[in-house]
């Protein structure tokens, strides 16, 4: 099994693809599951398991953010008659860019999605509040906000 990345952070305006591949005889069946082992269901315009088993997180408007989809742990399973192999955990975080007119303060944004968004000097920086709380002291940012998808 070719392991997927352990962390995927992406901007809601960009979406993300996570691939998982495996080979064997007989050819394995590939499936994506959540941390609790439940199968990932396709949710139109939010998340789709493509025919090649790529897990696609579609670009979405802020109002469509779902914690159960956009913030969590996923795993890929490869199964055949010989058994099942489970990938490493993939921690997924969607970061909302911009501040919705429905959110009137930064504290509301943090409580809404657990992410602080700082805008200054033409740069957009998204900071995952859980990372800050866990003592992460450096933040990666892109001057070109269109390239916010990041694999760690």
Protein backbone atom coordinates (compact mmCIF):
# COMPACT_ATOMS: atom_id res chain seq x y z
CA UNK A 1 0.00 0.00 0.00
CA UNK A 2 1.24 3.43 -0.92
CA UNK A 3 0.51 5.46 2.23
CA UNK A 4 -1.45 8.71 1.98
CA UNK A 5 -0.13 11.82 3.77
CA UNK A 6 -0.66 11.97 7.54
CA UNK A 7 -2.07 15.51 7.46
CA UNK A 8 -3.99 17.40 4.82
CA UNK A 9 -5.02 21.02 5.34
CA UNK A 10 -6.88 22.79 2.57
CA UNK A 11 -8.70 26.03 1.90
CA UNK A 12 -12.45 25.79 1.49
CA UNK A 13 -12.06 27.65 -1.81
CA UNK A 14 -9.68 25.01 -3.22
CA UNK A 15 -10.67 21.58 -1.92
CA UNK A 16 -8.25 18.63 -1.80
CA UNK A 17 -7.67 15.16 -3.21
CA UNK A 18 -6.19 12.32 -1.15
CA UNK A 19 -5.16 9.20 -3.01
CA UNK A 20 -4.58 5.71 -1.72
CA UNK A 21 -3.33 2.86 -3.85
CA UNK A 22 -2.57 -0.77 -3.19
CA UNK A 23 -1.74 -3.80 -5.26
CA UNK A 24 -2.05 -7.53 -4.68
CA UNK A 25 -3.41 -10.82 -5.98
CA UNK A 26 -6.28 -10.92 -6.13
CA UNK A 27 -6.53 -7.17 -6.66
CA UNK A 28 -7.63 -5.54 -3.42
CA UNK A 29 -10.85 -3.60 -2.96
CA UNK A 30 -10.13 -0.11 -1.64
CA UNK A 31 -12.38 1.79 0.75
CA UNK A 32 -12.15 4.97 2.82
CA UNK A 33 -13.34 4.95 6.44
CA UNK A 34 -13.57 7.46 9.25
CA UNK A 35 -11.69 7.13 12.53
CA UNK A 36 -14.57 5.13 14.04
CA UNK A 37 -14.43 2.64 11.13
CA UNK A 38 -17.63 3.82 9.43
CA UNK A 39 -17.55 4.00 5.64
CA UNK A 40 -17.17 7.40 4.00
CA UNK A 41 -20.39 8.18 2.17
CA UNK A 42 -20.50 10.52 -0.79
CA UNK A 43 -22.06 13.87 0.12
CA UNK A 44 -22.84 15.87 -3.02
CA UNK A 45 -20.65 18.97 -3.40
CA UNK A 46 -18.69 18.18 -0.21
CA UNK A 47 -16.90 14.82 -0.34
CA UNK A 48 -16.74 12.06 -2.96
CA UNK A 49 -14.85 8.79 -3.24
CA UNK A 50 -13.88 8.73 -6.91
CA UNK A 51 -13.76 5.51 -8.99
CA UNK A 52 -9.94 5.45 -8.62
CA UNK A 53 -10.41 5.60 -4.81
CA UNK A 54 -9.23 9.19 -4.50
CA UNK A 55 -10.99 10.90 -1.61
CA UNK A 56 -12.07 14.28 -2.99
CA UNK A 57 -13.00 17.19 -0.77
CA UNK A 58 -14.76 19.66 -3.04
CA UNK A 59 -14.39 23.44 -2.76
CA UNK A 60 -17.29 24.70 -0.68
CA UNK A 61 -18.80 27.94 0.64
CA UNK A 62 -18.30 28.75 4.33
CA UNK A 63 -21.96 28.05 5.07
CA UNK A 64 -21.50 24.42 3.98
CA UNK A 65 -18.73 23.63 6.49
CA UNK A 66 -19.44 20.34 8.30
CA UNK A 67 -17.23 19.30 11.20
CA UNK A 68 -18.01 15.63 10.51
CA UNK A 69 -16.63 15.99 6.97
CA UNK A 70 -14.06 18.78 7.03
CA UNK A 71 -12.29 18.12 10.33
CA UNK A 72 -11.41 14.57 11.24
CA UNK A 73 -9.37 11.45 10.70
CA UNK A 74 -9.69 9.17 7.67
CA UNK A 75 -8.04 5.85 6.72
CA UNK A 76 -7.84 3.81 3.55
CA UNK A 77 -8.51 0.06 3.66
CA UNK A 78 -7.20 -2.43 1.11
CA UNK A 79 -8.92 -5.84 1.33
CA UNK A 80 -8.69 -9.10 -0.57
CA UNK A 81 -8.85 -12.82 0.23
CA UNK A 82 -5.47 -12.58 2.00
CA UNK A 83 -6.73 -9.99 4.48
CA UNK A 84 -7.00 -6.27 5.07
CA UNK A 85 -4.32 -3.60 5.29
CA UNK A 86 -5.14 -0.27 6.93
CA UNK A 87 -3.34 2.95 6.00
CA UNK A 88 -1.94 5.44 8.46
CA UNK A 89 -4.36 8.00 9.88
CA UNK A 90 -4.94 11.03 7.66
CA UNK A 91 -5.91 14.08 9.72
CA UNK A 92 -8.00 16.40 7.54
CA UNK A 93 -8.64 20.07 8.29
CA UNK A 94 -10.53 22.47 6.07
CA UNK A 95 -9.61 26.10 6.64
CA UNK A 96 -12.17 28.77 5.87
CA UNK A 97 -10.73 31.73 3.98
CA UNK A 98 -12.27 35.12 4.52
CA UNK A 99 -14.74 36.04 7.17
CA UNK A 100 -18.43 35.52 6.56
CA UNK A 101 -20.75 38.47 7.06
CA UNK A 102 -22.68 36.20 9.42
CA UNK A 103 -19.64 36.04 11.71
CA UNK A 104 -19.18 39.37 13.46
CA UNK A 105 -16.06 38.68 15.54
CA UNK A 106 -12.91 36.60 15.53
CA UNK A 107 -14.09 34.77 18.65
CA UNK A 108 -17.23 33.68 16.77
CA UNK A 109 -15.05 32.38 13.94
CA UNK A 110 -12.85 30.45 16.36
CA UNK A 111 -15.85 28.90 18.10
CA UNK A 112 -17.45 28.14 14.71
CA UNK A 113 -14.59 26.21 13.15
CA UNK A 114 -11.58 26.24 15.50
CA UNK A 115 -9.51 28.33 13.10
CA UNK A 116 -8.33 31.91 13.39
CA UNK A 117 -7.85 33.80 10.13
CA UNK A 118 -5.48 36.77 10.13
CA UNK A 119 -5.35 39.19 7.22
CA UNK A 120 -2.58 41.76 6.94
CA UNK A 121 -0.14 43.23 4.46
CA UNK A 122 -1.84 41.43 1.58
CA UNK A 123 -1.25 38.02 3.16
CA UNK A 124 -3.90 35.61 4.36
CA UNK A 125 -2.79 33.33 7.17
CA UNK A 126 -4.97 30.57 8.56
CA UNK A 127 -4.02 29.30 12.00
CA UNK A 128 -5.50 26.10 13.35
CA UNK A 129 -6.39 26.89 16.95
CA UNK A 130 -5.76 23.28 18.04
CA UNK A 131 -2.19 23.54 16.73
CA UNK A 132 -1.67 26.74 18.72
CA UNK A 133 -3.12 25.13 21.85
CA UNK A 134 -0.77 22.16 21.35
CA UNK A 135 2.27 24.43 21.38
CA UNK A 136 3.00 24.73 17.67
CA UNK A 137 4.93 27.96 17.43
CA UNK A 138 5.48 28.36 13.69
CA UNK A 139 2.90 28.96 11.00
CA UNK A 140 3.33 28.20 7.32
CA UNK A 141 1.66 30.69 5.07
CA UNK A 142 1.48 31.45 1.39
CA UNK A 143 1.59 34.93 -0.09
CA UNK A 144 -0.55 33.53 -2.92
CA UNK A 145 -3.71 32.53 -1.05
CA UNK A 146 -4.80 30.43 -4.04
CA UNK A 147 -2.16 27.85 -3.04
CA UNK A 148 -3.50 27.14 0.44
CA UNK A 149 -3.62 23.36 0.06
CA UNK A 150 -0.81 22.01 2.19
CA UNK A 151 0.37 18.46 2.87
CA UNK A 152 2.44 17.95 6.03
